[in-house]
Amino acid sequence: MRQRGAGSAAFPQSALRAGGIPWIDAASCSRCGLCLAVCPSGAIDGRASELGWLPFVDERRCVRCELCVAVCPEQAAEVAFEIVTWERSVS
């Protein structure tokens, strides 16, 4: 009978974690305001920047519905997917 921990090996595993916060590419944004109009939680508002008015996503209020991504005619709103890696011990 094998003892727990004896002869175990660690194998790295990874997965894509979805559901990130949308971000808006300032260079691609046409400043049409559609993302502000469709956001159900009011997480997107306009802010002044060196490029003029830009939409900004408030991470605390975002419900991760991705409606802003779907409605953006310039495809300036995107959700980044994060690769998460962990080790799993196998005995």
PDB file of N, CA and C in Angstrom:
ATOM      1  N   MET A   1       0.833  -1.182   0.000  1.00  0.00           N
ATOM      2  CA  MET A   1       0.000   0.000   0.000  1.00  0.00           C
ATOM      3  C   MET A   1       0.883   1.253   0.000  1.00  0.00           C
ATOM      4  N   ARG A   2       0.576   2.199  -0.853  1.00  0.00           N
ATOM      5  CA  ARG A   2       1.356   3.428  -0.951  1.00  0.00           C
ATOM      6  C   ARG A   2       0.947   4.413   0.123  1.00  0.00           C
ATOM      7  N   GLN A   3       1.925   5.076   0.647  1.00  0.00           N
ATOM      8  CA  GLN A   3       1.638   6.116   1.621  1.00  0.00           C
ATOM      9  C   GLN A   3       1.325   7.409   0.892  1.00  0.00           C
ATOM     10  N   ARG A   4       0.479   8.183   1.494  1.00  0.00           N
ATOM     11  CA  ARG A   4       0.133   9.471   0.904  1.00  0.00           C
ATOM     12  C   ARG A   4       1.394  10.324   0.812  1.00  0.00           C
ATOM     13  N   GLY A   5       1.625  10.900  -0.345  1.00  0.00           N
ATOM     14  CA  GLY A   5       2.787  11.760  -0.560  1.00  0.00           C
ATOM     15  C   GLY A   5       4.002  10.995  -1.064  1.00  0.00           C
ATOM     16  N   ALA A   6       4.041   9.701  -0.889  1.00  0.00           N
ATOM     17  CA  ALA A   6       5.177   8.927  -1.361  1.00  0.00           C
ATOM     18  C   ALA A   6       5.053   8.719  -2.866  1.00  0.00           C
ATOM     19  N   GLY A   7       6.110   9.043  -3.568  1.00  0.00           N
ATOM     20  CA  GLY A   7       6.120   8.833  -5.005  1.00  0.00           C
ATOM     21  C   GLY A   7       5.222   9.773  -5.779  1.00  0.00           C
ATOM     22  N   SER A   8       4.845  10.893  -5.186  1.00  0.00           N
ATOM     23  CA  SER A   8       3.971  11.822  -5.897  1.00  0.00           C
ATOM     24  C   SER A   8       4.799  12.755  -6.773  1.00  0.00           C
ATOM     25  N   ALA A   9       4.199  13.228  -7.810  1.00  0.00           N
ATOM     26  CA  ALA A   9       4.851  14.159  -8.723  1.00  0.00           C
ATOM     27  C   ALA A   9       3.920  15.336  -8.970  1.00  0.00           C
ATOM     28  N   ALA A  10       4.498  16.483  -9.240  1.00  0.00           N
ATOM     29  CA  ALA A  10       3.699  17.682  -9.526  1.00  0.00           C
ATOM     30  C   ALA A  10       3.674  17.916 -11.029  1.00  0.00           C
ATOM     31  N   PHE A  11       2.484  18.149 -11.564  1.00  0.00           N
ATOM     32  CA  PHE A  11       2.318  18.413 -12.979  1.00  0.00           C
ATOM     33  C   PHE A  11       1.688  19.786 -13.154  1.00  0.00           C
ATOM     34  N   PRO A  12       2.323  20.664 -13.918  1.00  0.00           N
ATOM     35  CA  PRO A  12       1.698  21.972 -14.139  1.00  0.00           C
ATOM     36  C   PRO A  12       0.474  21.825 -15.034  1.00  0.00           C
ATOM     37  N   GLN A  13      -0.557  22.551 -14.704  1.00  0.00           N
ATOM     38  CA  GLN A  13      -1.769  22.582 -15.507  1.00  0.00           C
ATOM     39  C   GLN A  13      -2.136  24.036 -15.734  1.00  0.00           C
ATOM     40  N   SER A  14      -2.872  24.296 -16.776  1.00  0.00           N
ATOM     41  CA  SER A  14      -3.303  25.669 -17.027  1.00  0.00           C
ATOM     42  C   SER A  14      -4.698  25.659 -17.629  1.00  0.00           C
ATOM     43  N   ALA A  15      -5.349  26.797 -17.525  1.00  0.00           N
ATOM     44  CA  ALA A  15      -6.691  26.950 -18.071  1.00  0.00           C
ATOM     45  C   ALA A  15      -6.922  28.418 -18.378  1.00  0.00           C
ATOM     46  N   LEU A  16      -7.849  28.682 -19.265  1.00  0.00           N
ATOM     47  CA  LEU A  16      -8.245  30.057 -19.539  1.00  0.00           C
ATOM     48  C   LEU A  16      -9.321  30.450 -18.553  1.00  0.00           C
ATOM     49  N   ARG A  17      -9.150  31.590 -17.917  1.00  0.00           N
ATOM     50  CA  ARG A  17     -10.186  32.091 -17.015  1.00  0.00           C
ATOM     51  C   ARG A  17     -10.869  33.246 -17.721  1.00  0.00           C
ATOM     52  N   ALA A  18     -12.129  33.073 -17.995  1.00  0.00           N
ATOM     53  CA  ALA A  18     -12.898  34.097 -18.695  1.00  0.00           C
ATOM     54  C   ALA A  18     -13.551  35.042 -17.690  1.00  0.00           C
ATOM     55  N   GLY A  19     -14.299  35.972 -18.209  1.00  0.00           N
ATOM     56  CA  GLY A  19     -15.052  36.855 -17.337  1.00  0.00           C
ATOM     57  C   GLY A  19     -14.241  38.008 -16.807  1.00  0.00           C
ATOM     58  N   GLY A  20     -13.266  38.442 -17.568  1.00  0.00           N
ATOM     59  CA  GLY A  20     -12.463  39.565 -17.137  1.00  0.00           C
ATOM     60  C   GLY A  20     -13.199  40.884 -17.309  1.00  0.00           C
ATOM     61  N   ILE A  21     -12.577  41.937 -16.875  1.00  0.00           N
ATOM     62  CA  ILE A  21     -13.133  43.274 -17.012  1.00  0.00           C
ATOM     63  C   ILE A  21     -12.826  43.782 -18.425  1.00  0.00           C
ATOM     64  N   PRO A  22     -13.826  44.301 -19.131  1.00  0.00           N
ATOM     65  CA  PRO A  22     -13.553  44.865 -20.454  1.00  0.00           C
ATOM     66  C   PRO A  22     -12.634  46.078 -20.351  1.00  0.00           C
ATOM     67  N   TRP A  23     -11.830  46.261 -21.354  1.00  0.00           N
ATOM     68  CA  TRP A  23     -11.012  47.456 -21.441  1.00  0.00           C
ATOM     69  C   TRP A  23     -11.239  48.047 -22.828  1.00  0.00           C
ATOM     70  N   ILE A  24     -11.004  49.330 -22.945  1.00  0.00           N
ATOM     71  CA  ILE A  24     -11.295  50.037 -24.194  1.00  0.00           C
ATOM     72  C   ILE A  24     -10.011  50.613 -24.754  1.00  0.00           C
ATOM     73  N   ASP A  25      -9.714  50.245 -25.985  1.00  0.00           N
ATOM     74  CA  ASP A  25      -8.513  50.708 -26.673  1.00  0.00           C
ATOM     75  C   ASP A  25      -8.741  52.144 -27.145  1.00  0.00           C
ATOM     76  N   ALA A  26      -8.021  53.069 -26.561  1.00  0.00           N
ATOM     77  CA  ALA A  26      -8.204  54.495 -26.857  1.00  0.00           C
ATOM     78  C   ALA A  26      -7.941  54.822 -28.321  1.00  0.00           C
ATOM     79  N   ALA A  27      -6.995  54.153 -28.938  1.00  0.00           N
ATOM     80  CA  ALA A  27      -6.659  54.435 -30.330  1.00  0.00           C
ATOM     81  C   ALA A  27      -7.756  53.997 -31.296  1.00  0.00           C
ATOM     82  N   SER A  28      -8.502  52.960 -30.935  1.00  0.00           N
ATOM     83  CA  SER A  28      -9.561  52.441 -31.811  1.00  0.00           C
ATOM     84  C   SER A  28     -10.933  53.044 -31.527  1.00  0.00           C
ATOM     85  N   CYS A  29     -11.126  53.586 -30.336  1.00  0.00           N
ATOM     86  CA  CYS A  29     -12.430  54.099 -29.916  1.00  0.00           C
ATOM     87  C   CYS A  29     -12.838  55.323 -30.738  1.00  0.00           C
ATOM     88  N   SER A  30     -14.071  55.306 -31.263  1.00  0.00           N
ATOM     89  CA  SER A  30     -14.592  56.441 -32.035  1.00  0.00           C
ATOM     90  C   SER A  30     -15.375  57.413 -31.162  1.00  0.00           C
ATOM     91  N   ARG A  31     -15.513  57.092 -29.872  1.00  0.00           N
ATOM     92  CA  ARG A  31     -16.217  57.933 -28.894  1.00  0.00           C
ATOM     93  C   ARG A  31     -17.691  58.106 -29.228  1.00  0.00           C
ATOM     94  N   CYS A  32     -18.306  57.029 -29.718  1.00  0.00           N
ATOM     95  CA  CYS A  32     -19.720  57.076 -30.100  1.00  0.00           C
ATOM     96  C   CYS A  32     -20.653  57.017 -28.888  1.00  0.00           C
ATOM     97  N   GLY A  33     -20.181  56.443 -27.786  1.00  0.00           N
ATOM     98  CA  GLY A  33     -20.986  56.375 -26.575  1.00  0.00           C
ATOM     99  C   GLY A  33     -21.940  55.196 -26.493  1.00  0.00           C
ATOM    100  N   LEU A  34     -21.915  54.287 -27.458  1.00  0.00           N
ATOM    101  CA  LEU A  34     -22.817  53.138 -27.414  1.00  0.00           C
ATOM    102  C   LEU A  34     -22.557  52.253 -26.196  1.00  0.00           C
ATOM    103  N   CYS A  35     -21.297  52.120 -25.809  1.00  0.00           N
ATOM    104  CA  CYS A  35     -20.975  51.279 -24.648  1.00  0.00           C
ATOM    105  C   CYS A  35     -21.598  51.854 -23.378  1.00  0.00           C
ATOM    106  N   LEU A  36     -21.605  53.172 -23.243  1.00  0.00           N
ATOM    107  CA  LEU A  36     -22.240  53.810 -22.085  1.00  0.00           C
ATOM    108  C   LEU A  36     -23.738  53.543 -22.082  1.00  0.00           C
ATOM    109  N   ALA A  37     -24.343  53.588 -23.272  1.00  0.00           N
ATOM    110  CA  ALA A  37     -25.792  53.438 -23.390  1.00  0.00           C
ATOM    111  C   ALA A  37     -26.267  52.028 -23.043  1.00  0.00           C
ATOM    112  N   VAL A  38     -25.479  51.000 -23.350  1.00  0.00           N
ATOM    113  CA  VAL A  38     -25.939  49.625 -23.130  1.00  0.00           C
ATOM    114  C   VAL A  38     -25.520  49.036 -21.787  1.00  0.00           C
ATOM    115  N   CYS A  39     -24.633  49.676 -21.083  1.00  0.00           N
ATOM    116  CA  CYS A  39     -24.120  49.116 -19.826  1.00  0.00           C
ATOM    117  C   CYS A  39     -25.229  49.077 -18.766  1.00  0.00           C
ATOM    118  N   PRO A  40     -25.656  47.865 -18.338  1.00  0.00           N
ATOM    119  CA  PRO A  40     -26.773  47.762 -17.399  1.00  0.00           C
ATOM    120  C   PRO A  40     -26.441  48.211 -15.975  1.00  0.00           C
ATOM    121  N   SER A  41     -25.161  48.235 -15.636  1.00  0.00           N
ATOM    122  CA  SER A  41     -24.781  48.598 -14.269  1.00  0.00           C
ATOM    123  C   SER A  41     -24.215  50.008 -14.163  1.00  0.00           C
ATOM    124  N   GLY A  42     -24.137  50.714 -15.294  1.00  0.00           N
ATOM    125  CA  GLY A  42     -23.579  52.063 -15.280  1.00  0.00           C
ATOM    126  C   GLY A  42     -22.091  52.089 -14.961  1.00  0.00           C
ATOM    127  N   ALA A  43     -21.399  51.004 -15.295  1.00  0.00           N
ATOM    128  CA  ALA A  43     -19.977  50.891 -14.984  1.00  0.00           C
ATOM    129  C   ALA A  43     -19.090  51.678 -15.941  1.00  0.00           C
ATOM    130  N   ILE A  44     -19.636  52.154 -17.047  1.00  0.00           N
ATOM    131  CA  ILE A  44     -18.836  52.892 -18.027  1.00  0.00           C
ATOM    132  C   ILE A  44     -19.224  54.359 -17.976  1.00  0.00           C
ATOM    133  N   ASP A  45     -18.219  55.202 -17.836  1.00  0.00           N
ATOM    134  CA  ASP A  45     -18.462  56.635 -17.889  1.00  0.00           C
ATOM    135  C   ASP A  45     -17.351  57.296 -18.708  1.00  0.00           C
ATOM    136  N   GLY A  46     -17.556  58.541 -19.054  1.00  0.00           N
ATOM    137  CA  GLY A  46     -16.584  59.259 -19.856  1.00  0.00           C
ATOM    138  C   GLY A  46     -15.583  59.999 -18.989  1.00  0.00           C
ATOM    139  N   ARG A  47     -14.350  60.004 -19.434  1.00  0.00           N
ATOM    140  CA  ARG A  47     -13.289  60.713 -18.726  1.00  0.00           C
ATOM    141  C   ARG A  47     -12.447  61.484 -19.732  1.00  0.00           C
ATOM    142  N   ALA A  48     -11.964  62.623 -19.284  1.00  0.00           N
ATOM    143  CA  ALA A  48     -11.074  63.423 -20.127  1.00  0.00           C
ATOM    144  C   ALA A  48      -9.687  62.791 -20.138  1.00  0.00           C
ATOM    145  N   SER A  49      -9.044  62.810 -21.292  1.00  0.00           N
ATOM    146  CA  SER A  49      -7.674  62.305 -21.429  1.00  0.00           C
ATOM    147  C   SER A  49      -6.942  63.176 -22.431  1.00  0.00           C
ATOM    148  N   GLU A  50      -5.682  62.868 -22.647  1.00  0.00           N
ATOM    149  CA  GLU A  50      -4.908  63.633 -23.625  1.00  0.00           C
ATOM    150  C   GLU A  50      -5.436  63.438 -25.040  1.00  0.00           C
ATOM    151  N   LEU A  51      -6.218  62.393 -25.266  1.00  0.00           N
ATOM    152  CA  LEU A  51      -6.829  62.134 -26.568  1.00  0.00           C
ATOM    153  C   LEU A  51      -8.243  62.687 -26.673  1.00  0.00           C
ATOM    154  N   GLY A  52      -8.702  63.355 -25.621  1.00  0.00           N
ATOM    155  CA  GLY A  52     -10.075  63.844 -25.579  1.00  0.00           C
ATOM    156  C   GLY A  52     -10.909  62.965 -24.673  1.00  0.00           C
ATOM    157  N   TRP A  53     -12.225  62.988 -24.846  1.00  0.00           N
ATOM    158  CA  TRP A  53     -13.127  62.176 -24.042  1.00  0.00           C
ATOM    159  C   TRP A  53     -12.950  60.701 -24.364  1.00  0.00           C
ATOM    160  N   LEU A  54     -12.887  59.863 -23.321  1.00  0.00           N
ATOM    161  CA  LEU A  54     -12.779  58.419 -23.505  1.00  0.00           C
ATOM    162  C   LEU A  54     -13.671  57.687 -22.508  1.00  0.00           C
ATOM    163  N   PRO A  55     -14.278  56.573 -22.920  1.00  0.00           N
ATOM    164  CA  PRO A  55     -15.035  55.775 -21.965  1.00  0.00           C
ATOM    165  C   PRO A  55     -14.071  55.035 -21.033  1.00  0.00           C
ATOM    166  N   PHE A  56     -14.483  54.892 -19.786  1.00  0.00           N
ATOM    167  CA  PHE A  56     -13.685  54.228 -18.762  1.00  0.00           C
ATOM    168  C   PHE A  56     -14.569  53.209 -18.041  1.00  0.00           C
ATOM    169  N   VAL A  57     -14.050  51.991 -17.800  1.00  0.00           N
ATOM    170  CA  VAL A  57     -14.810  50.927 -17.140  1.00  0.00           C
ATOM    171  C   VAL A  57     -14.431  50.897 -15.660  1.00  0.00           C
ATOM    172  N   ASP A  58     -15.429  51.043 -14.803  1.00  0.00           N
ATOM    173  CA  ASP A  58     -15.233  50.949 -13.356  1.00  0.00           C
ATOM    174  C   ASP A  58     -15.315  49.476 -12.953  1.00  0.00           C
ATOM    175  N   GLU A  59     -14.185  48.886 -12.558  1.00  0.00           N
ATOM    176  CA  GLU A  59     -14.127  47.460 -12.235  1.00  0.00           C
ATOM    177  C   GLU A  59     -15.083  47.059 -11.115  1.00  0.00           C
ATOM    178  N   ARG A  60     -15.317  47.952 -10.178  1.00  0.00           N
ATOM    179  CA  ARG A  60     -16.176  47.624  -9.041  1.00  0.00           C
ATOM    180  C   ARG A  60     -17.643  47.509  -9.429  1.00  0.00           C
ATOM    181  N   ARG A  61     -18.041  48.199 -10.475  1.00  0.00           N
ATOM    182  CA  ARG A  61     -19.455  48.193 -10.876  1.00  0.00           C
ATOM    183  C   ARG A  61     -19.738  47.268 -12.054  1.00  0.00           C
ATOM    184  N   CYS A  62     -18.715  46.847 -12.770  1.00  0.00           N
ATOM    185  CA  CYS A  62     -18.884  46.000 -13.957  1.00  0.00           C
ATOM    186  C   CYS A  62     -19.430  44.623 -13.566  1.00  0.00           C
ATOM    187  N   VAL A  63     -20.473  44.172 -14.276  1.00  0.00           N
ATOM    188  CA  VAL A  63     -21.074  42.859 -14.024  1.00  0.00           C
ATOM    189  C   VAL A  63     -20.616  41.822 -15.044  1.00  0.00           C
ATOM    190  N   ARG A  64     -19.681  42.190 -15.896  1.00  0.00           N
ATOM    191  CA  ARG A  64     -19.044  41.286 -16.865  1.00  0.00           C
ATOM    192  C   ARG A  64     -20.027  40.679 -17.872  1.00  0.00           C
ATOM    193  N   CYS A  65     -20.991  41.476 -18.290  1.00  0.00           N
ATOM    194  CA  CYS A  65     -21.979  40.993 -19.255  1.00  0.00           C
ATOM    195  C   CYS A  65     -21.455  41.051 -20.692  1.00  0.00           C
ATOM    196  N   GLU A  66     -20.461  41.880 -20.938  1.00  0.00           N
ATOM    197  CA  GLU A  66     -19.814  42.057 -22.246  1.00  0.00           C
ATOM    198  C   GLU A  66     -20.713  42.679 -23.307  1.00  0.00           C
ATOM    199  N   LEU A  67     -21.772  43.365 -22.895  1.00  0.00           N
ATOM    200  CA  LEU A  67     -22.614  44.070 -23.864  1.00  0.00           C
ATOM    201  C   LEU A  67     -21.831  45.174 -24.562  1.00  0.00           C
ATOM    202  N   CYS A  68     -20.923  45.816 -23.831  1.00  0.00           N
ATOM    203  CA  CYS A  68     -20.102  46.878 -24.429  1.00  0.00           C
ATOM    204  C   CYS A  68     -19.238  46.328 -25.556  1.00  0.00           C
ATOM    205  N   VAL A  69     -18.743  45.117 -25.375  1.00  0.00           N
ATOM    206  CA  VAL A  69     -17.923  44.470 -26.401  1.00  0.00           C
ATOM    207  C   VAL A  69     -18.779  44.168 -27.629  1.00  0.00           C
ATOM    208  N   ALA A  70     -19.992  43.673 -27.403  1.00  0.00           N
ATOM    209  CA  ALA A  70     -20.882  43.292 -28.504  1.00  0.00           C
ATOM    210  C   ALA A  70     -21.347  44.480 -29.328  1.00  0.00           C
ATOM    211  N   VAL A  71     -21.557  45.637 -28.684  1.00  0.00           N
ATOM    212  CA  VAL A  71     -22.138  46.782 -29.376  1.00  0.00           C
ATOM    213  C   VAL A  71     -21.092  47.698 -30.028  1.00  0.00           C
ATOM    214  N   CYS A  72     -19.847  47.570 -29.694  1.00  0.00           N
ATOM    215  CA  CYS A  72     -18.812  48.492 -30.181  1.00  0.00           C
ATOM    216  C   CYS A  72     -18.583  48.347 -31.686  1.00  0.00           C
ATOM    217  N   PRO A  73     -18.882  49.394 -32.467  1.00  0.00           N
ATOM    218  CA  PRO A  73     -18.722  49.297 -33.920  1.00  0.00           C
ATOM    219  C   PRO A  73     -17.251  49.277 -34.358  1.00  0.00           C
ATOM    220  N   GLU A  74     -16.370  49.765 -33.516  1.00  0.00           N
ATOM    221  CA  GLU A  74     -14.941  49.812 -33.852  1.00  0.00           C
ATOM    222  C   GLU A  74     -14.165  48.642 -33.263  1.00  0.00           C
ATOM    223  N   GLN A  75     -14.846  47.773 -32.534  1.00  0.00           N
ATOM    224  CA  GLN A  75     -14.224  46.655 -31.816  1.00  0.00           C
ATOM    225  C   GLN A  75     -13.095  47.157 -30.901  1.00  0.00           C
ATOM    226  N   ALA A  76     -13.345  48.310 -30.277  1.00  0.00           N
ATOM    227  CA  ALA A  76     -12.363  48.899 -29.365  1.00  0.00           C
ATOM    228  C   ALA A  76     -12.496  48.345 -27.956  1.00  0.00           C
ATOM    229  N   ALA A  77     -13.663  47.798 -27.614  1.00  0.00           N
ATOM    230  CA  ALA A  77     -13.874  47.204 -26.297  1.00  0.00           C
ATOM    231  C   ALA A  77     -13.560  45.719 -26.384  1.00  0.00           C
ATOM    232  N   GLU A  78     -12.720  45.255 -25.483  1.00  0.00           N
ATOM    233  CA  GLU A  78     -12.303  43.858 -25.481  1.00  0.00           C
ATOM    234  C   GLU A  78     -12.278  43.326 -24.067  1.00  0.00           C
ATOM    235  N   VAL A  79     -12.380  42.017 -23.947  1.00  0.00           N
ATOM    236  CA  VAL A  79     -12.197  41.352 -22.661  1.00  0.00           C
ATOM    237  C   VAL A  79     -10.949  40.505 -22.786  1.00  0.00           C
ATOM    238  N   ALA A  80     -10.020  40.723 -21.889  1.00  0.00           N
ATOM    239  CA  ALA A  80      -8.789  39.940 -21.892  1.00  0.00           C
ATOM    240  C   ALA A  80      -9.022  38.642 -21.142  1.00  0.00           C
ATOM    241  N   PHE A  81      -8.549  37.559 -21.701  1.00  0.00           N
ATOM    242  CA  PHE A  81      -8.619  36.275 -21.030  1.00  0.00           C
ATOM    243  C   PHE A  81      -7.282  36.018 -20.363  1.00  0.00           C
ATOM    244  N   GLU A  82      -7.327  35.504 -19.164  1.00  0.00           N
ATOM    245  CA  GLU A  82      -6.131  35.294 -18.368  1.00  0.00           C
ATOM    246  C   GLU A  82      -5.807  33.807 -18.326  1.00  0.00           C
ATOM    247  N   ILE A  83      -4.534  33.467 -18.530  1.00  0.00           N
ATOM    248  CA  ILE A  83      -4.108  32.076 -18.405  1.00  0.00           C
ATOM    249  C   ILE A  83      -3.667  31.866 -16.963  1.00  0.00           C
ATOM    250  N   VAL A  84      -4.317  30.931 -16.305  1.00  0.00           N
ATOM    251  CA  VAL A  84      -4.018  30.627 -14.908  1.00  0.00           C
ATOM    252  C   VAL A  84      -3.291  29.291 -14.876  1.00  0.00           C
ATOM    253  N   THR A  85      -2.151  29.233 -14.191  1.00  0.00           N
ATOM    254  CA  THR A  85      -1.364  28.014 -14.090  1.00  0.00           C
ATOM    255  C   THR A  85      -1.237  27.601 -12.638  1.00  0.00           C
ATOM    256  N   TRP A  86      -1.328  26.318 -12.378  1.00  0.00           N
ATOM    257  CA  TRP A  86      -1.162  25.786 -11.036  1.00  0.00           C
ATOM    258  C   TRP A  86      -0.513  24.414 -11.147  1.00  0.00           C
ATOM    259  N   GLU A  87      -0.046  23.907 -10.032  1.00  0.00           N
ATOM    260  CA  GLU A  87       0.539  22.567 -10.017  1.00  0.00           C
ATOM    261  C   GLU A  87      -0.384  21.615  -9.284  1.00  0.00           C
ATOM    262  N   ARG A  88      -0.481  20.426  -9.805  1.00  0.00           N
ATOM    263  CA  ARG A  88      -1.340  19.409  -9.204  1.00  0.00           C
ATOM    264  C   ARG A  88      -0.469  18.198  -8.877  1.00  0.00           C
ATOM    265  N   SER A  89      -0.538  17.756  -7.649  1.00  0.00           N
ATOM    266  CA  SER A  89       0.222  16.589  -7.222  1.00  0.00           C
ATOM    267  C   SER A  89      -0.560  15.322  -7.542  1.00  0.00           C
ATOM    268  N   VAL A  90       0.130  14.365  -8.116  1.00  0.00           N
ATOM    269  CA  VAL A  90      -0.475  13.090  -8.444  1.00  0.00           C
ATOM    270  C   VAL A  90       0.294  12.006  -7.702  1.00  0.00           C
ATOM    271  N   SER A  91      -0.431  11.161  -6.971  1.00  0.00           N
ATOM    272  CA  SER A  91       0.243  10.084  -6.242  1.00  0.00           C
ATOM    273  C   SER A  91       0.063   8.777  -6.958  1.00  0.00           C
TER     274      SER A  91
END
